[in-house]
Amino acid sequence: MNDLSTVLEEITQLTNTIETNYPELYRFLDENPITIPTNDHPHVNQIIMQDYLESLKQLLNHHLETHKNCI
């Protein structure tokens, strides 16, 4: 498994890719329920960030699959 800094870097790169290449998808990222903590001081660790990275990948893959006929 990647260390936290590597995971954060991947999240940043993927988010930038989405922002640049898929602006229609990017506007929904801040509405993603996974980004909204349920408690006042959420504990953020490598596992949580890895899960978030995977959710971003799934979101992008789903978008690409459902819109491949539009390209």
Protein backbone atom coordinates (compact mmCIF):
# COMPACT_ATOMS: atom_id res chain seq x y z
CA MET A 1 0.00 0.00 0.00
CA ASN A 2 1.18 3.54 -0.73
CA ASP A 3 2.22 5.93 1.97
CA LEU A 4 -0.06 8.86 2.74
CA SER A 5 1.91 11.45 0.79
CA THR A 6 1.81 9.28 -2.33
CA VAL A 7 -1.93 8.78 -1.98
CA LEU A 8 -2.45 12.52 -1.54
CA GLU A 9 -0.36 13.18 -4.63
CA GLU A 10 -2.44 10.71 -6.64
CA ILE A 11 -5.64 12.36 -5.41
CA THR A 12 -4.31 15.75 -6.47
CA GLN A 13 -3.29 14.50 -9.91
CA LEU A 14 -6.58 12.74 -10.52
CA THR A 15 -8.57 15.74 -9.31
CA ASN A 16 -6.58 17.99 -11.64
CA THR A 17 -7.19 15.61 -14.53
CA ILE A 18 -10.90 15.62 -13.82
CA GLU A 19 -10.95 19.39 -13.51
CA THR A 20 -9.09 19.86 -16.80
CA ASN A 21 -10.58 17.13 -18.95
CA TYR A 22 -14.02 16.54 -17.41
CA PRO A 23 -15.30 19.86 -16.03
CA GLU A 24 -18.85 18.54 -16.15
CA LEU A 25 -17.81 15.93 -13.60
CA TYR A 26 -15.53 18.16 -11.57
CA ARG A 27 -18.34 20.38 -10.35
CA PHE A 28 -19.84 17.38 -8.54
CA LEU A 29 -16.71 16.46 -6.60
CA ASP A 30 -17.43 18.75 -3.69
CA GLU A 31 -20.93 17.25 -3.49
CA ASN A 32 -19.58 13.72 -3.15
CA PRO A 33 -20.84 12.40 0.23
CA ILE A 34 -17.48 10.81 0.97
CA THR A 35 -15.94 14.28 1.24
CA ILE A 36 -18.38 15.44 3.90
CA PRO A 37 -17.24 14.35 7.37
CA THR A 38 -19.94 13.24 9.78
CA ASN A 39 -18.11 14.40 12.89
CA ASP A 40 -16.48 17.67 13.91
CA HIS A 41 -12.88 16.41 13.92
CA PRO A 42 -12.60 13.54 11.49
CA HIS A 43 -9.55 11.34 11.71
CA VAL A 44 -7.90 11.23 8.32
CA ASN A 45 -5.42 8.47 7.68
CA GLN A 46 -3.93 6.57 4.80
CA ILE A 47 -6.77 4.05 4.60
CA ILE A 48 -9.43 6.76 4.45
CA MET A 49 -7.54 8.67 1.80
CA GLN A 50 -6.91 5.50 -0.21
CA ASP A 51 -10.66 4.82 -0.10
CA TYR A 52 -11.31 8.36 -1.30
CA LEU A 53 -8.83 7.91 -4.15
CA GLU A 54 -10.58 4.71 -5.16
CA SER A 55 -13.95 6.48 -5.09
CA LEU A 56 -12.57 9.18 -7.41
CA LYS A 57 -11.31 6.53 -9.79
CA GLN A 58 -14.66 4.77 -9.75
CA LEU A 59 -16.48 8.03 -10.34
CA LEU A 60 -14.32 8.83 -13.35
CA ASN A 61 -14.58 5.29 -14.73
CA HIS A 62 -18.35 5.34 -14.37
CA HIS A 63 -18.50 8.71 -16.11
CA LEU A 64 -16.34 7.45 -18.97
CA GLU A 65 -18.41 4.30 -19.35
CA THR A 66 -21.73 6.08 -19.32
CA HIS A 67 -20.60 8.83 -21.68
CA LYS A 68 -18.43 6.91 -24.12
CA ASN A 69 -21.09 7.11 -26.80
CA CYS A 70 -21.12 10.89 -26.51
CA ILE A 71 -17.46 11.30 -27.43
